[in-house]
Every structure is written in structure tokens, then in C-alpha cells.
C-alpha atoms as a PDB file:
ATOM      1  CA  MET A   1       3.466  -3.810   5.496  1.00  0.00           C
ATOM      2  CA  HIS A   2       3.030  -6.134   8.897  1.00  0.00           C
ATOM      3  CA  SER A   3       6.290  -5.304  10.304  1.00  0.00           C
ATOM      4  CA  PHE A   4       5.502  -1.557   9.956  1.00  0.00           C
ATOM      5  CA  ASN A   5       2.357  -1.821  11.840  1.00  0.00           C
ATOM      6  CA  THR A   6       4.110  -3.757  14.426  1.00  0.00           C
ATOM      7  CA  LEU A   7       6.673  -0.873  14.661  1.00  0.00           C
ATOM      8  CA  ARG A   8       4.045   1.478  14.822  1.00  0.00           C
ATOM      9  CA  LEU A   9       2.426  -0.472  17.741  1.00  0.00           C
ATOM     10  CA  TYR A  10       5.496  -0.643  19.797  1.00  0.00           C
ATOM     11  CA  LEU A  11       6.290   3.101  19.332  1.00  0.00           C
ATOM     12  CA  TRP A  12       2.755   4.110  20.168  1.00  0.00           C
ATOM     13  CA  GLU A  13       2.563   1.900  23.209  1.00  0.00           C
ATOM     14  CA  THR A  14       6.002   3.258  24.400  1.00  0.00           C
ATOM     15  CA  ILE A  15       4.661   6.817  24.156  1.00  0.00           C
ATOM     16  CA  VAL A  16       1.359   5.797  26.305  1.00  0.00           C
ATOM     17  CA  PHE A  17       3.323   3.916  28.550  1.00  0.00           C
ATOM     18  CA  PHE A  18       5.415   6.953  29.399  1.00  0.00           C
ATOM     19  CA  ARG A  19       2.118   9.170  29.586  1.00  0.00           C
ATOM     20  CA  SER A  20       0.912   6.872  32.287  1.00  0.00           C
ATOM     21  CA  PRO A  21      -2.512   6.124  31.234  1.00  0.00           C
ATOM     22  CA  SER A  22      -5.134   4.274  33.108  1.00  0.00           C
ATOM     23  CA  GLU A  23      -5.541   0.456  32.649  1.00  0.00           C
ATOM     24  CA  ARG A  24      -9.203   1.231  31.080  1.00  0.00           C
ATOM     25  CA  GLU A  25      -7.733   3.530  28.997  1.00  0.00           C
ATOM     26  CA  LEU A  26      -4.877   1.524  27.454  1.00  0.00           C
ATOM     27  CA  GLN A  27      -7.517  -1.286  26.911  1.00  0.00           C
ATOM     28  CA  HIS A  28      -9.850   0.900  25.137  1.00  0.00           C
ATOM     29  CA  PHE A  29      -6.963   1.973  22.928  1.00  0.00           C
ATOM     30  CA  HIS A  30      -6.082  -1.458  22.256  1.00  0.00           C
ATOM     31  CA  GLN A  31      -9.456  -2.422  21.046  1.00  0.00           C
ATOM     32  CA  GLN A  32      -9.785   0.611  18.679  1.00  0.00           C
ATOM     33  CA  LEU A  33      -6.239  -0.283  17.460  1.00  0.00           C
ATOM     34  CA  TRP A  34      -7.207  -3.918  16.719  1.00  0.00           C
ATOM     35  CA  PHE A  35     -10.420  -2.996  14.900  1.00  0.00           C
ATOM     36  CA  HIS A  36      -8.694  -0.736  12.648  1.00  0.00           C
ATOM     37  CA  CYS A  37      -6.193  -3.589  11.844  1.00  0.00           C
END
């Protein structure tokens, strides 16, 4: 289960990276993600 979440995180970060978000958006996304974990 943990490995699945890690894979999901990697894939999502890759998508977000290619979308070229701002640093603030990326950090905000990370905060929400960790809260859901």
C-alpha cells in the first residue's frame, strides 16, 4: 500500500512538473497531499 502511494506521488509530481506550476502552487499541493496521507 505504501509503495502504491509512492508511485502515485511520483506520477502526479511528474504531471505537475510538466505543467510548470509556480513554487507556491507546488508547495500548497504538497501540503494537501501530506495531510491526506
